[in-house]
N, C-alpha and C. Protein backbone atom coordinates (compact mmCIF):
# COMPACT_ATOMS: atom_id res chain seq x y z
N MET A 1 332.41 44.18 -58.21
CA MET A 1 333.85 44.09 -58.40
C MET A 1 334.21 42.64 -58.49
N PHE A 2 335.13 42.32 -59.36
CA PHE A 2 335.51 40.94 -59.59
C PHE A 2 336.99 40.82 -59.33
N VAL A 3 337.37 39.80 -58.58
CA VAL A 3 338.78 39.68 -58.25
C VAL A 3 339.42 38.54 -59.00
N SER A 4 340.56 38.81 -59.60
CA SER A 4 341.32 37.76 -60.21
C SER A 4 342.65 37.70 -59.49
N VAL A 5 342.95 36.54 -58.87
CA VAL A 5 344.15 36.44 -58.07
C VAL A 5 345.12 35.49 -58.74
N SER A 6 346.29 35.96 -59.11
CA SER A 6 347.23 35.10 -59.81
C SER A 6 348.63 35.67 -59.72
N ALA A 7 349.49 34.96 -59.01
CA ALA A 7 350.84 35.46 -58.77
C ALA A 7 351.81 34.84 -59.75
N HIS A 8 352.87 35.54 -60.05
CA HIS A 8 353.92 35.02 -60.92
C HIS A 8 355.22 35.05 -60.16
N PRO A 9 355.89 33.90 -60.00
CA PRO A 9 357.13 33.86 -59.24
C PRO A 9 358.16 34.84 -59.78
N GLY A 10 358.76 35.61 -58.89
CA GLY A 10 359.83 36.50 -59.28
C GLY A 10 359.38 37.87 -59.72
N SER A 11 358.07 38.08 -59.88
CA SER A 11 357.61 39.38 -60.32
C SER A 11 357.65 40.37 -59.17
N LYS A 12 357.82 41.65 -59.51
CA LYS A 12 357.85 42.70 -58.50
C LYS A 12 356.85 43.77 -58.91
N PRO A 13 355.56 43.51 -58.72
CA PRO A 13 354.56 44.47 -59.18
C PRO A 13 354.62 45.78 -58.44
N LYS A 14 354.37 46.86 -59.17
CA LYS A 14 354.29 48.17 -58.56
C LYS A 14 352.83 48.47 -58.30
N PRO A 15 352.46 48.92 -57.10
CA PRO A 15 351.06 48.99 -56.69
C PRO A 15 350.27 50.11 -57.34
N LEU A 16 348.98 49.82 -57.54
CA LEU A 16 348.05 50.87 -57.92
C LEU A 16 347.70 51.70 -56.70
N GLY A 17 347.43 51.04 -55.60
CA GLY A 17 347.17 51.73 -54.34
C GLY A 17 347.61 50.83 -53.20
N GLN A 18 348.59 51.23 -52.42
CA GLN A 18 349.18 50.33 -51.43
C GLN A 18 349.40 51.07 -50.12
N LEU A 19 349.18 50.36 -49.03
CA LEU A 19 349.38 50.91 -47.69
C LEU A 19 350.57 50.24 -47.02
N GLY A 20 351.59 49.93 -47.79
CA GLY A 20 352.76 49.26 -47.23
C GLY A 20 352.37 47.96 -46.57
N GLU A 21 353.04 47.59 -45.51
CA GLU A 21 352.65 46.44 -44.71
C GLU A 21 351.57 46.86 -43.73
N LEU A 22 350.47 46.13 -43.74
CA LEU A 22 349.36 46.51 -42.87
C LEU A 22 349.76 46.47 -41.40
N SER A 23 350.76 45.64 -41.07
CA SER A 23 351.19 45.55 -39.68
C SER A 23 351.78 46.87 -39.20
N ARG A 24 352.31 47.66 -40.12
CA ARG A 24 352.87 48.95 -39.76
C ARG A 24 351.80 49.88 -39.21
N ALA A 25 350.56 49.63 -39.60
CA ALA A 25 349.46 50.46 -39.15
C ALA A 25 348.97 50.05 -37.76
N ARG A 26 349.68 49.14 -37.10
CA ARG A 26 349.34 48.68 -35.76
C ARG A 26 347.96 48.01 -35.71
N VAL A 27 347.53 47.50 -36.84
CA VAL A 27 346.29 46.74 -36.91
C VAL A 27 346.63 45.39 -37.51
N ILE A 28 346.39 44.33 -36.79
CA ILE A 28 346.77 43.00 -37.26
C ILE A 28 345.74 42.50 -38.27
N PRO A 29 346.13 42.29 -39.54
CA PRO A 29 345.17 41.83 -40.54
C PRO A 29 344.94 40.33 -40.44
N SER A 30 343.78 39.89 -40.87
CA SER A 30 343.48 38.46 -40.98
C SER A 30 343.74 38.02 -42.41
N GLU A 31 344.14 36.77 -42.58
CA GLU A 31 344.39 36.25 -43.92
C GLU A 31 343.36 35.18 -44.27
N PHE A 32 342.81 35.28 -45.48
CA PHE A 32 341.85 34.31 -45.96
C PHE A 32 342.27 33.82 -47.33
N LYS A 33 342.02 32.54 -47.57
CA LYS A 33 342.33 31.95 -48.87
C LYS A 33 341.02 31.70 -49.62
N TYR A 34 341.04 32.00 -50.93
CA TYR A 34 339.84 31.88 -51.74
C TYR A 34 340.10 31.01 -52.96
N ASN A 35 339.12 30.19 -53.31
CA ASN A 35 339.19 29.41 -54.53
C ASN A 35 338.80 30.27 -55.73
N LYS A 36 339.15 29.80 -56.90
CA LYS A 36 338.77 30.47 -58.14
C LYS A 36 337.25 30.65 -58.19
N GLY A 37 336.82 31.86 -58.51
CA GLY A 37 335.41 32.12 -58.68
C GLY A 37 334.63 32.42 -57.42
N THR A 38 335.30 32.43 -56.28
CA THR A 38 334.62 32.73 -55.01
C THR A 38 334.53 34.23 -54.80
N GLU A 39 333.32 34.73 -54.54
CA GLU A 39 333.17 36.16 -54.31
C GLU A 39 333.80 36.56 -52.99
N ILE A 40 334.58 37.63 -53.02
CA ILE A 40 335.23 38.14 -51.81
C ILE A 40 334.45 39.33 -51.25
N PHE A 41 334.06 40.25 -52.13
CA PHE A 41 333.37 41.45 -51.65
C PHE A 41 332.41 41.93 -52.73
N GLY A 42 331.15 42.08 -52.37
CA GLY A 42 330.14 42.52 -53.32
C GLY A 42 329.88 44.02 -53.23
N GLU A 43 329.55 44.63 -54.35
CA GLU A 43 329.38 46.08 -54.41
C GLU A 43 328.26 46.56 -53.51
N ALA A 44 327.20 45.76 -53.37
CA ALA A 44 326.05 46.19 -52.58
C ALA A 44 326.24 45.96 -51.08
N GLU A 45 327.33 45.31 -50.70
CA GLU A 45 327.57 45.01 -49.30
C GLU A 45 328.19 46.21 -48.58
N PRO A 46 327.98 46.31 -47.26
CA PRO A 46 328.62 47.39 -46.49
C PRO A 46 330.13 47.31 -46.59
N ALA A 47 330.78 48.45 -46.77
CA ALA A 47 332.24 48.48 -46.92
C ALA A 47 332.89 48.52 -45.55
N ASP A 48 332.83 47.40 -44.83
CA ASP A 48 333.35 47.35 -43.47
C ASP A 48 334.83 46.98 -43.41
N TYR A 49 335.37 46.45 -44.51
CA TYR A 49 336.75 45.96 -44.48
C TYR A 49 337.58 46.57 -45.60
N ILE A 50 338.87 46.63 -45.34
CA ILE A 50 339.87 46.98 -46.35
C ILE A 50 340.62 45.69 -46.67
N TYR A 51 340.89 45.46 -47.95
CA TYR A 51 341.54 44.22 -48.38
C TYR A 51 342.89 44.53 -49.02
N GLN A 52 343.81 43.58 -48.88
CA GLN A 52 345.11 43.70 -49.52
C GLN A 52 345.45 42.37 -50.17
N VAL A 53 345.88 42.42 -51.43
CA VAL A 53 346.25 41.20 -52.15
C VAL A 53 347.58 40.70 -51.63
N ALA A 54 347.59 39.50 -51.05
CA ALA A 54 348.83 38.91 -50.55
C ALA A 54 349.45 37.99 -51.58
N ASP A 55 348.62 37.37 -52.40
CA ASP A 55 349.12 36.44 -53.41
C ASP A 55 348.21 36.53 -54.62
N GLY A 56 348.69 37.10 -55.70
CA GLY A 56 347.90 37.12 -56.92
C GLY A 56 347.61 38.50 -57.45
N ALA A 57 346.49 38.64 -58.14
CA ALA A 57 346.06 39.91 -58.72
C ALA A 57 344.55 39.99 -58.62
N VAL A 58 344.03 41.21 -58.58
CA VAL A 58 342.60 41.41 -58.38
C VAL A 58 342.04 42.26 -59.52
N ARG A 59 340.89 41.87 -60.02
CA ARG A 59 340.23 42.71 -61.01
C ARG A 59 338.89 43.14 -60.43
N THR A 60 338.54 44.41 -60.59
CA THR A 60 337.27 44.93 -60.11
C THR A 60 336.39 45.22 -61.30
N HIS A 61 335.11 44.85 -61.22
CA HIS A 61 334.25 45.08 -62.37
C HIS A 61 332.82 45.38 -61.99
N LYS A 62 332.09 45.90 -62.96
CA LYS A 62 330.65 46.09 -62.86
C LYS A 62 329.99 45.36 -64.02
N LEU A 63 328.79 44.83 -63.76
CA LEU A 63 328.03 44.12 -64.78
C LEU A 63 326.78 44.91 -65.16
N LEU A 64 326.50 44.96 -66.46
CA LEU A 64 325.24 45.52 -66.92
C LEU A 64 324.16 44.44 -66.85
N SER A 65 322.91 44.85 -66.97
CA SER A 65 321.80 43.90 -66.85
C SER A 65 321.84 42.83 -67.93
N ASP A 66 322.47 43.12 -69.07
CA ASP A 66 322.54 42.14 -70.16
C ASP A 66 323.78 41.26 -70.07
N GLY A 67 324.54 41.38 -68.98
CA GLY A 67 325.69 40.52 -68.77
C GLY A 67 327.02 41.09 -69.23
N ARG A 68 326.99 42.23 -69.92
CA ARG A 68 328.26 42.84 -70.32
C ARG A 68 329.03 43.31 -69.10
N ARG A 69 330.36 43.23 -69.17
CA ARG A 69 331.21 43.51 -68.02
C ARG A 69 332.21 44.60 -68.35
N GLN A 70 332.39 45.52 -67.40
CA GLN A 70 333.44 46.54 -67.52
C GLN A 70 334.38 46.41 -66.35
N ILE A 71 335.63 46.04 -66.64
CA ILE A 71 336.64 45.96 -65.59
C ILE A 71 337.21 47.34 -65.36
N GLY A 72 337.24 47.75 -64.09
CA GLY A 72 337.71 49.09 -63.76
C GLY A 72 339.19 49.16 -63.43
N ALA A 73 339.74 48.08 -62.86
CA ALA A 73 341.15 48.12 -62.46
C ALA A 73 341.66 46.71 -62.19
N PHE A 74 342.95 46.55 -62.32
CA PHE A 74 343.65 45.34 -61.90
C PHE A 74 344.53 45.70 -60.71
N HIS A 75 344.38 44.99 -59.61
CA HIS A 75 345.19 45.22 -58.41
C HIS A 75 346.17 44.06 -58.26
N LEU A 76 347.44 44.37 -58.05
CA LEU A 76 348.49 43.36 -57.98
C LEU A 76 348.91 43.15 -56.53
N ILE A 77 349.90 42.29 -56.33
CA ILE A 77 350.34 41.94 -54.97
C ILE A 77 350.70 43.21 -54.18
N GLY A 78 350.12 43.33 -52.97
CA GLY A 78 350.37 44.49 -52.13
C GLY A 78 349.32 45.57 -52.27
N ASP A 79 348.54 45.53 -53.35
CA ASP A 79 347.54 46.58 -53.57
C ASP A 79 346.37 46.44 -52.60
N ILE A 80 345.78 47.58 -52.29
CA ILE A 80 344.62 47.66 -51.42
C ILE A 80 343.36 47.80 -52.27
N PHE A 81 342.29 47.09 -51.89
CA PHE A 81 341.01 47.25 -52.56
C PHE A 81 339.90 47.04 -51.53
N GLY A 82 338.66 47.20 -51.94
CA GLY A 82 337.55 46.99 -51.03
C GLY A 82 336.39 47.90 -51.32
N TRP A 83 336.25 48.27 -52.59
CA TRP A 83 335.19 49.22 -52.92
C TRP A 83 334.15 48.67 -53.89
N ARG A 84 334.28 47.42 -54.42
CA ARG A 84 333.26 46.85 -55.30
C ARG A 84 333.13 45.33 -55.13
N THR A 85 333.13 44.30 -56.27
CA THR A 85 332.85 42.83 -56.15
C THR A 85 334.04 41.96 -56.54
N VAL A 86 334.34 40.85 -55.83
CA VAL A 86 335.65 40.24 -56.00
C VAL A 86 335.64 38.71 -56.09
N GLN A 87 336.34 38.14 -57.03
CA GLN A 87 336.44 36.69 -57.15
C GLN A 87 337.82 36.34 -57.72
N PRO A 88 338.43 35.20 -57.28
CA PRO A 88 339.74 34.83 -57.79
C PRO A 88 339.68 34.03 -59.09
N ILE A 89 340.68 34.17 -59.94
CA ILE A 89 340.83 33.30 -61.10
C ILE A 89 342.22 32.70 -61.07
N ASP A 90 342.47 31.79 -61.98
CA ASP A 90 343.73 31.07 -61.97
C ASP A 90 344.74 31.66 -62.94
N LEU A 91 346.00 31.43 -62.67
CA LEU A 91 347.08 31.82 -63.56
C LEU A 91 347.61 30.57 -64.25
N PRO A 92 347.87 30.59 -65.56
CA PRO A 92 348.44 29.44 -66.24
C PRO A 92 349.73 28.97 -65.56
N ARG A 93 349.94 27.65 -65.55
CA ARG A 93 351.13 27.02 -64.99
C ARG A 93 351.13 26.97 -63.47
N ARG A 94 350.08 27.50 -62.84
CA ARG A 94 349.95 27.35 -61.38
C ARG A 94 348.89 26.30 -61.13
N ARG A 95 349.20 25.26 -60.40
CA ARG A 95 348.26 24.18 -60.19
C ARG A 95 347.19 24.55 -59.18
N SER A 96 347.54 25.26 -58.15
CA SER A 96 346.60 25.59 -57.10
C SER A 96 345.78 26.83 -57.47
N SER A 97 344.46 26.78 -57.21
CA SER A 97 343.63 27.94 -57.45
C SER A 97 343.36 28.69 -56.14
N ILE A 98 344.05 28.29 -55.06
CA ILE A 98 343.90 28.97 -53.78
C ILE A 98 344.73 30.25 -53.80
N ARG A 99 344.12 31.37 -53.41
CA ARG A 99 344.83 32.64 -53.35
C ARG A 99 344.59 33.29 -51.99
N THR A 100 345.50 34.13 -51.57
CA THR A 100 345.45 34.70 -50.22
C THR A 100 345.17 36.20 -50.28
N VAL A 101 344.24 36.64 -49.43
CA VAL A 101 343.89 38.05 -49.31
C VAL A 101 343.89 38.42 -47.82
N ARG A 102 344.53 39.55 -47.48
CA ARG A 102 344.49 40.06 -46.12
C ARG A 102 343.32 41.03 -45.99
N LEU A 103 342.72 41.05 -44.82
CA LEU A 103 341.66 42.03 -44.60
C LEU A 103 341.74 42.59 -43.19
N MET A 104 341.28 43.80 -43.04
CA MET A 104 341.27 44.46 -41.75
C MET A 104 340.05 45.37 -41.67
N LYS A 105 339.59 45.62 -40.47
CA LYS A 105 338.43 46.48 -40.27
C LYS A 105 338.75 47.91 -40.74
N ARG A 106 337.86 48.44 -41.55
CA ARG A 106 338.05 49.80 -42.03
C ARG A 106 338.09 50.80 -40.87
N CYS A 107 337.20 50.61 -39.89
CA CYS A 107 337.15 51.54 -38.75
C CYS A 107 338.43 51.49 -37.93
N SER A 108 339.07 50.29 -37.84
CA SER A 108 340.32 50.17 -37.10
C SER A 108 341.44 50.94 -37.79
N LEU A 109 341.51 50.83 -39.10
CA LEU A 109 342.53 51.55 -39.86
C LEU A 109 342.31 53.06 -39.77
N GLU A 110 341.06 53.47 -39.87
CA GLU A 110 340.77 54.90 -39.77
C GLU A 110 341.12 55.44 -38.39
N HIS A 111 340.92 54.63 -37.35
CA HIS A 111 341.26 55.05 -35.99
C HIS A 111 342.77 55.25 -35.85
N VAL A 112 343.55 54.33 -36.42
CA VAL A 112 345.01 54.46 -36.36
C VAL A 112 345.45 55.70 -37.13
N ALA A 113 344.81 55.96 -38.27
CA ALA A 113 345.19 57.10 -39.11
C ALA A 113 344.98 58.43 -38.39
N GLU A 114 344.07 58.44 -37.42
CA GLU A 114 343.80 59.68 -36.67
C GLU A 114 344.99 60.10 -35.81
N THR A 115 345.84 59.14 -35.43
CA THR A 115 346.96 59.44 -34.55
C THR A 115 348.32 59.17 -35.17
N ASP A 116 348.34 58.56 -36.36
CA ASP A 116 349.60 58.21 -37.02
C ASP A 116 349.66 58.94 -38.36
N ALA A 117 350.50 59.96 -38.43
CA ALA A 117 350.58 60.79 -39.63
C ALA A 117 351.04 60.00 -40.85
N LEU A 118 351.94 59.03 -40.65
CA LEU A 118 352.44 58.25 -41.78
C LEU A 118 351.34 57.39 -42.38
N VAL A 119 350.52 56.78 -41.52
CA VAL A 119 349.41 55.97 -42.01
C VAL A 119 348.40 56.85 -42.73
N ALA A 120 348.11 58.03 -42.16
CA ALA A 120 347.18 58.96 -42.79
C ALA A 120 347.70 59.39 -44.16
N LEU A 121 349.02 59.63 -44.25
CA LEU A 121 349.61 60.03 -45.53
C LEU A 121 349.52 58.89 -46.53
N ASP A 122 349.76 57.64 -46.07
CA ASP A 122 349.63 56.49 -46.95
C ASP A 122 348.22 56.39 -47.52
N LEU A 123 347.23 56.59 -46.66
CA LEU A 123 345.83 56.53 -47.10
C LEU A 123 345.53 57.61 -48.13
N LEU A 124 346.05 58.81 -47.90
CA LEU A 124 345.85 59.91 -48.84
C LEU A 124 346.51 59.60 -50.18
N ASN A 125 347.76 59.12 -50.13
CA ASN A 125 348.47 58.79 -51.37
C ASN A 125 347.77 57.67 -52.13
N MET A 126 347.27 56.67 -51.39
CA MET A 126 346.57 55.57 -52.01
C MET A 126 345.30 56.04 -52.70
N THR A 127 344.55 56.91 -52.02
CA THR A 127 343.32 57.44 -52.59
C THR A 127 343.60 58.28 -53.83
N THR A 128 344.64 59.12 -53.73
CA THR A 128 345.03 59.95 -54.87
C THR A 128 345.43 59.11 -56.07
N SER A 129 346.19 58.03 -55.82
CA SER A 129 346.62 57.14 -56.90
C SER A 129 345.44 56.47 -57.57
N ASN A 130 344.48 56.02 -56.76
CA ASN A 130 343.30 55.37 -57.33
C ASN A 130 342.45 56.33 -58.14
N LEU A 131 342.32 57.57 -57.66
CA LEU A 131 341.56 58.57 -58.40
C LEU A 131 342.24 58.92 -59.72
N GLN A 132 343.57 59.03 -59.69
CA GLN A 132 344.31 59.32 -60.91
C GLN A 132 344.14 58.20 -61.92
N HIS A 133 344.17 56.96 -61.43
CA HIS A 133 343.99 55.82 -62.33
C HIS A 133 342.59 55.83 -62.93
N ALA A 134 341.58 56.16 -62.12
CA ALA A 134 340.21 56.21 -62.62
C ALA A 134 340.05 57.27 -63.70
N GLU A 135 340.69 58.43 -63.51
CA GLU A 135 340.63 59.49 -64.51
C GLU A 135 341.33 59.06 -65.80
N ASP A 136 342.50 58.44 -65.67
CA ASP A 136 343.22 57.97 -66.85
C ASP A 136 342.41 56.92 -67.60
N HIS A 137 341.76 56.03 -66.84
CA HIS A 137 340.97 54.97 -67.47
C HIS A 137 339.75 55.56 -68.18
N MET A 138 339.14 56.59 -67.60
CA MET A 138 338.01 57.25 -68.24
C MET A 138 338.43 57.89 -69.56
N LEU A 139 339.60 58.53 -69.58
CA LEU A 139 340.12 59.12 -70.81
C LEU A 139 340.39 58.03 -71.85
N LEU A 140 340.97 56.93 -71.41
CA LEU A 140 341.27 55.82 -72.30
C LEU A 140 340.01 55.31 -72.97
N LEU A 141 338.95 55.10 -72.18
CA LEU A 141 337.71 54.54 -72.72
C LEU A 141 336.98 55.55 -73.60
N GLY A 142 337.10 56.84 -73.27
CA GLY A 142 336.30 57.83 -73.97
C GLY A 142 336.92 58.41 -75.22
N ARG A 143 338.27 58.45 -75.29
CA ARG A 143 338.90 59.20 -76.37
C ARG A 143 339.94 58.44 -77.19
N LYS A 144 340.45 57.34 -76.70
CA LYS A 144 341.57 56.70 -77.38
C LYS A 144 341.09 55.65 -78.38
N THR A 145 341.87 55.47 -79.44
CA THR A 145 341.59 54.44 -80.43
C THR A 145 341.93 53.06 -79.84
N SER A 146 341.54 52.02 -80.54
CA SER A 146 341.78 50.66 -80.04
C SER A 146 343.28 50.39 -79.89
N LEU A 147 344.09 50.82 -80.85
CA LEU A 147 345.53 50.58 -80.76
C LEU A 147 346.14 51.39 -79.63
N GLU A 148 345.66 52.62 -79.43
CA GLU A 148 346.15 53.44 -78.32
C GLU A 148 345.79 52.81 -76.98
N ARG A 149 344.61 52.19 -76.89
CA ARG A 149 344.20 51.53 -75.64
C ARG A 149 345.10 50.34 -75.32
N VAL A 150 345.37 49.53 -76.34
CA VAL A 150 346.24 48.37 -76.12
C VAL A 150 347.63 48.83 -75.71
N ALA A 151 348.15 49.87 -76.37
CA ALA A 151 349.48 50.40 -76.03
C ALA A 151 349.50 50.93 -74.60
N ALA A 152 348.44 51.65 -74.21
CA ALA A 152 348.36 52.21 -72.86
C ALA A 152 348.34 51.11 -71.82
N PHE A 153 347.60 50.03 -72.10
CA PHE A 153 347.55 48.91 -71.16
C PHE A 153 348.92 48.26 -71.00
N LEU A 154 349.60 48.03 -72.11
CA LEU A 154 350.92 47.40 -72.04
C LEU A 154 351.92 48.28 -71.29
N LEU A 155 351.83 49.58 -71.49
CA LEU A 155 352.73 50.49 -70.76
C LEU A 155 352.43 50.47 -69.27
N GLU A 156 351.15 50.42 -68.92
CA GLU A 156 350.78 50.35 -67.50
C GLU A 156 351.31 49.08 -66.86
N MET A 157 351.11 47.94 -67.52
CA MET A 157 351.58 46.67 -66.98
C MET A 157 353.10 46.61 -66.95
N ASP A 158 353.75 47.26 -67.91
CA ASP A 158 355.21 47.29 -67.92
C ASP A 158 355.73 48.03 -66.70
N ARG A 159 355.06 49.13 -66.33
CA ARG A 159 355.48 49.89 -65.15
C ARG A 159 355.27 49.09 -63.87
N ARG A 160 354.23 48.27 -63.83
CA ARG A 160 353.82 47.65 -62.58
C ARG A 160 354.23 46.19 -62.43
N LEU A 161 354.54 45.51 -63.53
CA LEU A 161 354.64 44.05 -63.48
C LEU A 161 355.93 43.47 -64.01
N THR A 162 356.74 44.23 -64.72
CA THR A 162 357.90 43.67 -65.39
C THR A 162 358.95 43.16 -64.41
N ALA A 163 359.44 41.96 -64.67
CA ALA A 163 360.55 41.38 -63.91
C ALA A 163 361.54 40.79 -64.91
N ALA A 164 362.79 41.18 -64.80
CA ALA A 164 363.85 40.65 -65.66
C ALA A 164 363.52 40.82 -67.14
N GLY A 165 362.86 41.93 -67.49
CA GLY A 165 362.57 42.22 -68.89
C GLY A 165 361.38 41.49 -69.45
N VAL A 166 360.68 40.69 -68.65
CA VAL A 166 359.53 39.92 -69.13
C VAL A 166 358.29 40.36 -68.37
N MET A 167 357.23 40.66 -69.10
CA MET A 167 355.96 41.06 -68.51
C MET A 167 355.03 39.85 -68.51
N ALA A 168 354.81 39.26 -67.34
CA ALA A 168 353.95 38.07 -67.22
C ALA A 168 352.55 38.52 -66.80
N LEU A 169 351.63 38.53 -67.74
CA LEU A 169 350.30 39.05 -67.46
C LEU A 169 349.49 38.03 -66.65
N PRO A 170 348.93 38.43 -65.50
CA PRO A 170 348.13 37.53 -64.70
C PRO A 170 346.67 37.49 -65.11
N MET A 171 346.31 38.25 -66.14
CA MET A 171 344.92 38.30 -66.58
C MET A 171 344.79 37.73 -67.99
N SER A 172 343.58 37.27 -68.33
CA SER A 172 343.33 36.69 -69.64
C SER A 172 343.11 37.80 -70.67
N ARG A 173 343.13 37.42 -71.95
CA ARG A 173 342.85 38.40 -73.00
C ARG A 173 341.41 38.91 -72.92
N ARG A 174 340.50 38.06 -72.44
CA ARG A 174 339.12 38.50 -72.23
C ARG A 174 339.07 39.58 -71.14
N ASP A 175 339.85 39.40 -70.07
CA ASP A 175 339.93 40.42 -69.03
C ASP A 175 340.44 41.73 -69.60
N ILE A 176 341.48 41.64 -70.42
CA ILE A 176 342.08 42.83 -71.01
C ILE A 176 341.06 43.55 -71.89
N ALA A 177 340.31 42.76 -72.67
CA ALA A 177 339.29 43.35 -73.55
C ALA A 177 338.23 44.08 -72.74
N ASP A 178 337.79 43.47 -71.64
CA ASP A 178 336.76 44.10 -70.81
C ASP A 178 337.30 45.31 -70.05
N TYR A 179 338.59 45.35 -69.82
CA TYR A 179 339.22 46.50 -69.18
C TYR A 179 339.33 47.66 -70.17
N LEU A 180 339.64 47.34 -71.42
CA LEU A 180 339.85 48.37 -72.43
C LEU A 180 338.58 48.75 -73.17
N GLY A 181 337.46 48.05 -72.90
CA GLY A 181 336.22 48.35 -73.60
C GLY A 181 336.28 47.96 -75.07
N LEU A 182 337.00 46.86 -75.37
CA LEU A 182 337.17 46.39 -76.73
C LEU A 182 336.70 44.95 -76.85
N THR A 183 336.58 44.46 -78.08
CA THR A 183 336.31 43.04 -78.29
C THR A 183 337.61 42.27 -78.13
N LEU A 184 337.47 40.98 -77.87
CA LEU A 184 338.65 40.12 -77.74
C LEU A 184 339.47 40.16 -79.03
N GLU A 185 338.78 40.12 -80.17
CA GLU A 185 339.48 40.11 -81.46
C GLU A 185 340.28 41.39 -81.68
N THR A 186 339.75 42.52 -81.23
CA THR A 186 340.44 43.79 -81.40
C THR A 186 341.70 43.85 -80.55
N VAL A 187 341.63 43.30 -79.34
CA VAL A 187 342.81 43.26 -78.46
C VAL A 187 343.90 42.40 -79.09
N VAL A 188 343.51 41.23 -79.59
CA VAL A 188 344.48 40.34 -80.22
C VAL A 188 345.10 41.01 -81.45
N ALA A 189 344.27 41.68 -82.25
CA ALA A 189 344.77 42.36 -83.44
C ALA A 189 345.76 43.47 -83.06
N GLY A 190 345.46 44.22 -82.00
CA GLY A 190 346.36 45.28 -81.56
C GLY A 190 347.71 44.73 -81.10
N ALA A 191 347.67 43.62 -80.37
CA ALA A 191 348.91 43.00 -79.91
C ALA A 191 349.73 42.47 -81.08
N LEU A 192 349.04 41.84 -82.05
CA LEU A 192 349.75 41.31 -83.21
C LEU A 192 350.34 42.43 -84.06
N THR A 193 349.62 43.54 -84.16
CA THR A 193 350.15 44.70 -84.90
C THR A 193 351.44 45.20 -84.25
N SER A 194 351.42 45.30 -82.93
CA SER A 194 352.62 45.74 -82.21
C SER A 194 353.77 44.76 -82.39
N SER A 195 353.43 43.46 -82.45
CA SER A 195 354.46 42.45 -82.65
C SER A 195 355.07 42.56 -84.04
N ARG A 196 354.23 42.76 -85.05
CA ARG A 196 354.74 42.90 -86.42
C ARG A 196 355.58 44.15 -86.58
N MET A 197 355.30 45.16 -85.76
CA MET A 197 356.08 46.41 -85.81
C MET A 197 357.41 46.27 -85.06
N GLY A 198 357.63 45.11 -84.45
CA GLY A 198 358.87 44.90 -83.72
C GLY A 198 358.90 45.55 -82.35
N ILE A 199 357.70 45.88 -81.82
CA ILE A 199 357.63 46.56 -80.53
C ILE A 199 357.62 45.58 -79.38
N LEU A 200 357.02 44.40 -79.60
CA LEU A 200 356.97 43.41 -78.53
C LEU A 200 357.05 42.00 -79.11
N GLY A 201 357.36 41.06 -78.23
CA GLY A 201 357.41 39.65 -78.60
C GLY A 201 356.69 38.82 -77.56
N PHE A 202 356.34 37.58 -77.91
CA PHE A 202 355.59 36.72 -77.01
C PHE A 202 356.42 35.51 -76.60
N LEU A 203 356.22 35.06 -75.37
CA LEU A 203 356.84 33.85 -74.86
C LEU A 203 355.76 32.88 -74.41
N GLY A 204 355.95 31.59 -74.64
CA GLY A 204 355.00 30.59 -74.15
C GLY A 204 353.80 30.43 -75.07
N GLN A 205 353.08 29.33 -74.89
CA GLN A 205 351.94 29.03 -75.74
C GLN A 205 350.76 29.95 -75.46
N THR A 206 350.58 30.37 -74.21
CA THR A 206 349.44 31.22 -73.87
C THR A 206 349.66 32.67 -74.27
N GLN A 207 350.90 33.03 -74.58
CA GLN A 207 351.27 34.39 -74.97
C GLN A 207 350.96 35.42 -73.89
N ARG A 208 350.93 34.98 -72.62
CA ARG A 208 350.73 35.94 -71.53
C ARG A 208 352.05 36.52 -71.05
N GLN A 209 353.16 35.96 -71.52
CA GLN A 209 354.46 36.52 -71.18
C GLN A 209 354.95 37.33 -72.37
N ILE A 210 355.16 38.61 -72.12
CA ILE A 210 355.48 39.54 -73.20
C ILE A 210 356.83 40.20 -72.93
N VAL A 211 357.61 40.33 -73.96
CA VAL A 211 358.88 41.05 -73.89
C VAL A 211 358.73 42.33 -74.70
N LEU A 212 358.91 43.47 -74.05
CA LEU A 212 358.86 44.75 -74.76
C LEU A 212 360.21 45.01 -75.40
N LEU A 213 360.21 45.11 -76.72
CA LEU A 213 361.45 45.29 -77.47
C LEU A 213 361.75 46.76 -77.75
N ASP A 214 360.71 47.59 -77.78
CA ASP A 214 360.90 49.00 -78.10
C ASP A 214 359.87 49.83 -77.33
N ARG A 215 360.20 50.23 -76.10
CA ARG A 215 359.28 51.00 -75.27
C ARG A 215 359.00 52.39 -75.84
N VAL A 216 359.99 52.97 -76.52
CA VAL A 216 359.82 54.31 -77.10
C VAL A 216 358.75 54.28 -78.17
N ARG A 217 358.79 53.30 -79.04
CA ARG A 217 357.79 53.21 -80.11
C ARG A 217 356.42 52.85 -79.54
N LEU A 218 356.40 52.04 -78.49
CA LEU A 218 355.13 51.70 -77.86
C LEU A 218 354.51 52.95 -77.24
N ALA A 219 355.31 53.75 -76.57
CA ALA A 219 354.82 54.99 -75.97
C ALA A 219 354.30 55.94 -77.03
N ALA A 220 354.92 55.91 -78.22
CA ALA A 220 354.48 56.79 -79.31
C ALA A 220 353.09 56.41 -79.82
N LEU A 221 352.71 55.14 -79.63
CA LEU A 221 351.38 54.69 -80.04
C LEU A 221 350.30 55.19 -79.09
N ASP A 222 350.70 55.44 -77.84
CA ASP A 222 349.75 55.90 -76.82
C ASP A 222 349.77 57.42 -76.76
N LEU A 223 349.05 58.05 -77.65
CA LEU A 223 349.06 59.51 -77.75
C LEU A 223 348.37 60.16 -76.57
């Protein structure tokens, strides 16, 4: 699993899997700061801890023996992770590459869940959300065309990341390509096609800030 941590001021991301404030679970989490490229959690390591993104975004991935990478999910601020390999990356316009992640003992959280119905329900909802996302991602990779994949990604990020009508993507186009199982050129072509159709527009030189101009037409592309 690979972690990319990058926060955007003013954004209000909607979680993929979140356990609210960890303090509510009566377990005090520890906070650690990581530099860009530092591994946080490896897939082969014992899953002793649960992690929560306090500042930034997280990407989880697997590598094939030839170096090809498949990103399984992007976790945003507040999201819980801790099931594969993790490293932080930088966000454009942010000078510091230090990012913050909270962690807590998995056994401690499970112990609290045994006596706290709300925490147990949060864990169930979080697991259900992650499983649903995994199923949707499997369908995306297995059956959708390249344009449908790009549209599905933009709709997902719009639901989770949009602030004041602007979608500020914390991941690179290479990350997006590895998430969608496409080449970088295909992702760029799909975005440009949507732009020419009047569905979206770009802000800034990096084009990571996107304005959705027609959500209905974008949804129509994601069959």
